[in-house]
Protein backbone atom coordinates (compact mmCIF):
# COMPACT_ATOMS: atom_id res chain seq x y z
CA MET A 1 9.30 -22.76 60.27
CA ARG A 2 12.04 -21.04 58.37
CA ALA A 3 11.16 -20.77 54.13
CA PRO A 4 14.38 -23.03 52.56
CA GLU A 5 17.22 -21.20 51.33
CA PHE A 6 16.24 -22.41 47.58
CA TRP A 7 13.02 -20.56 48.09
CA SER A 8 14.75 -17.28 47.33
CA ASN A 9 16.58 -18.59 44.45
CA PRO A 10 16.61 -16.60 40.55
CA PRO A 11 13.76 -18.35 38.54
CA GLU A 12 16.33 -19.40 36.36
CA MET A 13 18.53 -21.13 38.23
CA PRO A 14 15.70 -22.67 40.49
CA GLY A 15 18.23 -24.89 42.32
CA LEU A 16 17.79 -29.08 42.67
CA ALA A 17 15.79 -29.28 45.08
CA ALA A 18 13.04 -27.40 43.90
CA ARG A 19 13.31 -29.14 40.43
CA LEU A 20 12.58 -32.41 42.10
CA LEU A 21 9.77 -31.11 44.36
CA SER A 22 8.16 -29.79 41.40
CA PRO A 23 5.63 -32.91 40.84
CA VAL A 24 4.84 -32.55 44.53
CA SER A 25 3.62 -29.06 43.89
CA LEU A 26 1.28 -30.44 41.56
CA LEU A 27 -0.91 -32.20 44.22
CA TRP A 28 -0.74 -28.65 45.95
CA ARG A 29 -2.26 -27.12 43.21
CA LEU A 30 -4.77 -29.28 42.81
CA GLY A 31 -5.75 -29.05 46.96
CA GLY A 32 -6.03 -25.30 46.00
CA ARG A 33 -8.57 -25.95 42.70
CA VAL A 34 -10.52 -28.43 44.64
CA ARG A 35 -10.88 -25.44 47.47
CA ALA A 36 -11.92 -23.13 44.97
CA ALA A 37 -14.61 -25.02 43.35
CA ARG A 38 -16.53 -25.02 46.89
CA PRO A 39 -19.25 -23.19 46.93
CA SER A 40 -19.28 -19.42 48.69
CA TRP A 41 -21.47 -17.72 51.20
CA ARG A 42 -22.88 -13.51 49.77
CA ALA A 43 -22.44 -11.83 53.20
CA PRO A 44 -24.64 -8.80 53.09
CA CYS A 45 -22.38 -6.26 53.31
CA PRO A 46 -18.83 -5.49 51.48
CA VAL A 47 -16.10 -7.88 51.87
CA ILE A 48 -12.75 -7.05 51.30
CA SER A 49 -9.74 -9.47 50.72
CA VAL A 50 -6.31 -8.68 51.77
CA GLY A 51 -3.76 -11.62 50.73
CA ASN A 52 -1.34 -12.42 49.21
CA LEU A 53 0.21 -15.25 46.26
CA THR A 54 3.69 -16.76 48.91
CA ALA A 55 3.97 -18.10 52.07
CA GLY A 56 4.96 -16.02 54.62
CA GLY A 57 4.64 -12.23 55.83
CA THR A 58 4.53 -9.31 52.60
CA GLY A 59 2.43 -6.94 54.39
CA LYS A 60 -0.90 -8.30 54.96
CA THR A 61 -1.42 -7.18 58.46
CA PRO A 62 -0.22 -4.12 57.75
CA LEU A 63 -2.88 -3.43 55.14
CA VAL A 64 -5.27 -4.60 56.69
CA ARG A 65 -4.69 -2.40 59.74
CA ALA A 66 -4.79 0.47 57.22
CA LEU A 67 -7.49 0.24 55.23
CA ALA A 68 -9.62 -0.62 58.56
CA ASP A 69 -8.64 2.66 59.88
CA ARG A 70 -9.28 4.33 56.58
CA LEU A 71 -12.85 3.15 56.38
CA THR A 72 -13.19 3.70 59.85
CA ALA A 73 -12.16 7.59 59.06
CA ARG A 74 -14.69 7.50 56.33
CA GLY A 75 -17.80 6.69 58.69
CA HIS A 76 -17.73 2.58 58.00
CA ALA A 77 -17.55 0.30 60.67
CA PRO A 78 -15.24 -2.24 59.62
CA HIS A 79 -14.72 -5.70 61.08
CA ILE A 80 -11.78 -8.27 60.82
CA LEU A 81 -11.88 -11.79 60.02
CA SER A 82 -9.32 -14.01 60.44
CA ARG A 83 -8.63 -17.90 61.01
CA GLY A 84 -6.43 -17.26 64.11
CA TYR A 85 -3.24 -19.21 63.11
CA GLY A 86 -1.25 -20.06 65.70
CA GLY A 87 -4.04 -19.73 68.29
CA ARG A 88 -5.86 -22.81 70.04
CA LEU A 89 -9.81 -21.38 69.87
CA ARG A 90 -11.72 -22.49 66.38
CA GLY A 91 -14.32 -19.91 67.16
CA PRO A 92 -16.28 -17.94 65.87
CA HIS A 93 -14.56 -15.65 69.08
CA ARG A 94 -14.48 -11.77 69.17
CA VAL A 95 -10.92 -10.87 70.16
CA ASP A 96 -10.40 -9.55 73.18
CA PRO A 97 -7.38 -8.11 73.68
CA ARG A 98 -7.47 -7.72 77.95
CA GLN A 99 -8.39 -11.34 78.20
CA ASP A 100 -7.22 -13.27 75.14
CA THR A 101 -3.53 -14.88 74.80
CA ALA A 102 -1.94 -15.28 71.54
CA ASP A 103 -2.09 -18.73 72.11
CA ASP A 104 -5.77 -18.47 72.23
CA VAL A 105 -6.12 -16.39 69.42
CA GLY A 106 -2.88 -15.94 67.50
CA ASP A 107 -1.03 -13.00 67.34
CA GLU A 108 -2.04 -10.83 64.08
CA PRO A 109 -5.64 -10.85 65.59
CA LEU A 110 -4.61 -10.10 69.13
CA MET A 111 -2.74 -7.09 67.81
CA LEU A 112 -5.11 -5.77 65.66
CA ALA A 113 -7.62 -5.93 68.13
CA ALA A 114 -6.20 -3.39 70.12
CA THR A 115 -7.87 -0.73 68.15
CA LEU A 116 -10.00 -2.71 65.61
CA PRO A 117 -12.82 -5.36 66.13
CA VAL A 118 -11.53 -8.70 65.15
CA TRP A 119 -12.87 -12.24 65.14
CA ILE A 120 -11.24 -15.21 64.52
CA ALA A 121 -12.69 -18.57 63.55
CA ARG A 122 -11.57 -21.63 61.30
CA ASP A 123 -15.03 -21.61 59.36
CA ARG A 124 -14.99 -17.53 58.37
CA LYS A 125 -18.52 -17.81 57.08
CA GLN A 126 -19.56 -18.58 61.19
CA ALA A 127 -17.10 -15.44 62.04
CA ALA A 128 -19.07 -13.42 58.97
CA LEU A 129 -22.18 -14.31 60.46
CA ARG A 130 -21.11 -13.03 64.37
CA ALA A 131 -20.01 -9.54 62.46
CA VAL A 132 -22.06 -8.91 60.43
CA GLU A 133 -24.64 -8.03 62.85
CA GLU A 134 -22.69 -5.02 64.14
CA ALA A 135 -20.21 -4.81 60.70
CA SER A 136 -21.07 -2.18 57.45
CA CYS A 137 -18.39 -4.19 56.06
CA LEU A 138 -15.74 -7.11 56.29
CA ILE A 139 -12.17 -7.33 56.19
CA LEU A 140 -10.82 -10.84 55.30
CA ASP A 141 -6.80 -11.32 56.78
CA ASP A 142 -5.05 -13.50 54.71
CA GLY A 143 -8.31 -14.16 52.20
CA HIS A 144 -6.92 -14.59 48.86
CA GLN A 145 -7.04 -18.39 48.99
CA SER A 146 -10.01 -18.32 51.12
CA THR A 147 -13.31 -19.37 49.17
CA ALA A 148 -15.84 -19.59 52.38
CA LEU A 149 -17.05 -15.82 51.61
CA GLU A 150 -17.68 -14.13 48.24
CA ARG A 151 -15.44 -10.95 47.79
CA ASP A 152 -16.19 -7.52 46.21
CA LEU A 153 -12.80 -6.82 46.11
CA CYS A 154 -9.13 -8.26 46.33
CA VAL A 155 -6.19 -6.81 47.13
CA VAL A 156 -2.75 -8.61 46.88
CA THR A 157 0.35 -7.54 48.75
CA VAL A 158 3.79 -8.28 47.61
CA ASP A 159 6.98 -7.87 49.69
CA ALA A 160 9.44 -5.92 46.78
CA GLY A 161 12.24 -7.14 48.20
CA ALA A 162 11.22 -11.30 47.87
CA GLY A 163 9.19 -10.73 44.88
CA PHE A 164 7.79 -14.44 44.35
CA GLY A 165 11.29 -16.09 44.92
CA ASN A 166 12.29 -18.83 42.36
CA GLY A 167 8.83 -18.25 40.45
CA ARG A 168 7.22 -21.93 41.88
CA VAL A 169 4.42 -23.50 43.74
CA ILE A 170 4.87 -24.76 47.26
CA PRO A 171 6.81 -27.13 47.92
CA ALA A 172 9.06 -26.25 45.57
CA GLY A 173 9.15 -22.59 45.95
CA PRO A 174 7.06 -20.21 48.15
CA LEU A 175 3.98 -19.41 46.13
CA ARG A 176 0.57 -20.56 46.94
CA GLU A 177 -0.69 -21.02 43.60
CA PRO A 178 1.19 -19.79 39.90
CA ILE A 179 1.56 -15.82 39.84
CA SER A 180 -0.66 -15.59 37.12
CA GLU A 181 -3.61 -17.90 38.70
CA GLY A 182 -3.34 -15.45 41.86
CA LEU A 183 -3.43 -12.23 39.78
CA ALA A 184 -6.04 -13.27 37.78
CA ARG A 185 -8.36 -12.68 40.70
CA ALA A 186 -6.89 -9.47 42.54
CA ASP A 187 -8.46 -5.81 41.60
CA ALA A 188 -5.16 -4.50 42.97
CA VAL A 189 -1.53 -5.15 44.04
CA ILE A 190 0.15 -3.52 46.82
CA LEU A 191 4.12 -3.18 46.18
CA ILE A 192 5.43 -2.86 49.96
CA GLY A 193 9.57 -1.98 50.63
CA PRO A 194 11.90 0.67 49.73
CA GLU A 195 11.59 2.38 46.22
CA ALA A 196 14.76 0.54 44.90
CA ASP A 197 13.17 -2.69 45.71
CA ARG A 198 9.87 -1.49 44.18
CA ALA A 199 11.60 -0.88 41.42
CA ALA A 200 13.57 -4.04 40.63
CA CYS A 201 10.48 -6.37 41.46
CA LEU A 202 8.34 -4.72 38.93
CA SER A 203 11.69 -5.23 36.21
CA LYS A 204 11.57 -8.68 37.12
CA TRP A 205 8.18 -9.47 37.30
CA PRO A 206 6.53 -8.15 34.39
CA GLU A 207 3.18 -10.15 35.15
CA LEU A 208 2.72 -7.61 37.99
CA ALA A 209 1.88 -4.94 35.02
CA THR A 210 -1.27 -6.69 34.23
CA ARG A 211 -3.06 -5.06 37.20
CA PRO A 212 -3.15 -1.89 39.16
CA VAL A 213 0.12 -1.59 41.23
CA ALA A 214 0.02 1.02 44.59
CA GLN A 215 3.51 1.53 45.78
CA ALA A 216 3.93 1.45 49.51
CA GLU A 217 6.38 1.65 52.11
CA LEU A 218 6.62 0.28 56.02
CA VAL A 219 7.40 3.57 58.28
CA PRO A 220 7.92 3.48 62.14
CA SER A 221 4.88 4.86 63.88
CA ALA A 222 4.33 7.82 64.75
CA THR A 223 4.74 7.28 68.55
CA GLY A 224 7.59 10.16 69.80
CA LEU A 225 10.43 7.16 70.11
CA ASP A 226 13.87 8.43 69.25
CA LEU A 227 16.02 5.77 68.40
CA ALA A 228 18.74 7.85 66.92
CA GLY A 229 22.23 6.92 68.23
CA GLN A 230 20.47 4.87 70.82
CA PRO A 231 22.17 1.21 71.20
CA VAL A 232 19.79 -1.32 70.66
CA VAL A 233 19.50 -5.94 70.71
CA ALA A 234 16.60 -6.21 68.41
CA PHE A 235 15.15 -9.82 67.80
CA ALA A 236 11.92 -10.65 65.42
CA GLY A 237 9.63 -13.46 64.62
CA ILE A 238 8.08 -12.37 61.96
CA GLY A 239 8.21 -13.33 57.71
CA ARG A 240 10.92 -11.29 56.74
CA PRO A 241 13.10 -10.43 60.16
CA GLU A 242 15.25 -8.02 58.15
CA LYS A 243 13.02 -5.27 56.99
CA PHE A 244 12.47 -4.93 61.16
CA PHE A 245 16.52 -4.51 61.41
CA ALA A 246 16.47 -2.05 58.35
CA THR A 247 14.06 -0.39 60.20
CA LEU A 248 16.04 0.27 62.75
CA ALA A 249 18.91 1.10 61.23
CA ALA A 250 16.62 3.70 59.17
CA MET A 251 15.76 5.35 62.15
CA GLY A 252 19.75 5.99 63.23
CA ALA A 253 19.81 3.11 66.03
CA ASP A 254 22.57 1.43 66.66
CA VAL A 255 21.69 -1.92 66.33
CA ARG A 256 24.67 -4.02 68.37
CA LEU A 257 22.73 -7.23 67.61
CA ALA A 258 19.95 -8.73 65.86
CA GLU A 259 18.66 -12.05 66.01
CA PRO A 260 16.03 -13.78 63.86
CA PHE A 261 13.80 -16.18 64.51
CA PRO A 262 11.01 -17.86 62.63
CA ASP A 263 7.55 -16.64 61.86
CA HIS A 264 5.01 -16.45 64.74
CA HIS A 265 7.72 -17.89 66.90
CA SER A 266 7.09 -18.83 70.73
CA PHE A 267 10.17 -17.15 72.35
CA PRO A 268 11.05 -19.58 75.24
CA VAL A 269 12.07 -17.43 78.53
CA PRO A 270 15.75 -18.93 78.63
CA VAL A 271 16.38 -17.46 74.88
CA LEU A 272 14.34 -14.05 76.27
CA ARG A 273 16.71 -14.29 79.40
CA ARG A 274 19.74 -14.17 77.22
CA LEU A 275 18.78 -11.18 74.90
CA LEU A 276 17.81 -9.61 77.89
CA ARG A 277 21.23 -10.30 79.36
CA THR A 278 23.31 -8.99 76.64
CA ALA A 279 20.98 -5.90 76.26
CA ARG A 280 22.06 -5.04 79.55
CA SER A 281 25.91 -5.69 79.42
CA GLN A 282 26.01 -3.40 76.12
CA GLY A 283 23.49 -0.61 77.68
CA ALA A 284 21.43 -1.14 74.95
CA MET A 285 17.27 -1.13 74.85
CA LEU A 286 15.72 -4.90 74.01
CA VAL A 287 13.16 -4.07 70.90
CA THR A 288 11.17 -6.28 68.76
CA THR A 289 7.86 -5.62 66.70
CA GLU A 290 4.41 -5.04 67.79
CA LYS A 291 3.37 -8.59 66.36
CA ASP A 292 5.95 -10.28 68.77
CA ALA A 293 5.37 -8.51 71.19
CA VAL A 294 2.07 -10.14 71.98
CA ARG A 295 3.53 -13.35 72.41
CA LEU A 296 6.08 -12.51 75.16
CA PRO A 297 5.52 -13.96 78.33
CA ALA A 298 4.09 -10.87 80.72
CA GLU A 299 6.77 -10.79 83.09
CA PHE A 300 9.47 -9.74 79.92
CA ARG A 301 6.59 -7.48 78.09
CA ARG A 302 8.07 -4.43 80.56
CA GLU A 303 11.78 -5.14 79.19
CA VAL A 304 11.41 -4.51 75.59
CA VAL A 305 10.51 -1.97 73.92
CA VAL A 306 8.20 -2.26 70.91
CA VAL A 307 8.71 -0.24 67.73
CA PRO A 308 6.02 -0.66 65.98
CA VAL A 309 5.53 0.71 62.18
CA ASP A 310 3.11 2.05 59.69
CA LEU A 311 2.32 1.34 55.81
CA ARG A 312 2.29 4.33 53.95
CA VAL A 313 0.83 3.88 50.74
CA MET A 314 1.78 6.49 47.85
CA ASP A 315 -1.48 7.01 46.25
CA TRP A 316 -4.78 5.89 47.45
CA GLN A 317 -6.96 7.09 44.80
CA GLY A 318 -6.95 3.96 42.95
CA ILE A 319 -8.16 1.45 46.20
CA ASP A 320 -10.24 4.40 47.42
CA VAL A 321 -12.15 4.40 44.37
CA ALA A 322 -12.49 0.54 43.81
CA ILE A 323 -14.28 0.71 47.27
CA GLN A 324 -16.26 3.80 46.72
CA ALA A 325 -17.93 1.26 44.01
CA VAL A 326 -17.81 -1.80 45.95
CA PHE A 327 -19.99 0.33 48.58
CA ALA A 328 -22.46 1.79 45.94
CA ASN A 329 -22.85 -1.63 44.40
CA LYS A 330 -24.11 -3.28 47.66
CA SER A 331 -26.58 -0.39 48.57
CA PRO A 332 -30.10 -1.62 48.68
């Protein structure tokens, strides 16, 4: 589903729809408080949560991968826990990228499982019980509103270009919970986007100053793929497809067509054929994201060039210190 346009209105002018739906937001908030009152399980190893305060993509998955890679490089054995959004399996199930599909486990878990151990389960405690047999720490993907496990470190991602939209709670706005409540549980915030967007977001949302903020941006992975001057037809079904299209432009690609789709979109074969015909007629590459590529039918994957991105955090020091403290506190 696409986010309603009024979710992006300025907080001072939220629009009539947001005002009319604000009473319904109280029910959403009540549901969140009921969930928060449920008891949590304490895992025997450190649990790091990566989440956000808004519906839609904010860079959680790239941060999960960056954290896992960083922990692995330091000798830890992180396992990732996901609810497997969009997949049919309830779990607990360890994702096998050789056999599982996005329809089985969801697109983000399948993408991460290419290089990292990933578990999916509707009940994260059940996944954790399986994962701790091998893991030295757990990373909760999209875990900020989850109460199944006690968290030792909570990191929140914020898309600097979108911020918190109109500042209202679902369905009146994009927030999963009020900003003050969500940030109160956060140990750190990762603000993701171009430098100008990050500066504007910090100015617009002074609430961010209440937490330690690390700045970051999404950059093309070092794959050797050179798109400078290359004609491309791009498509993406992620939280904010325009971020991917901006990345292509920054790489110097000649973007002939940029077609957005809803997040987690399942691409019908006729649509893919149309995109492929358009690319061929333009003498262009057909390109998409890693997350979209795992949802493509097998016969189309070889026709599409994948442009992966990495999260570049400007200063890891604060997060590294927090992680070291978590492991020290968990030591026997």
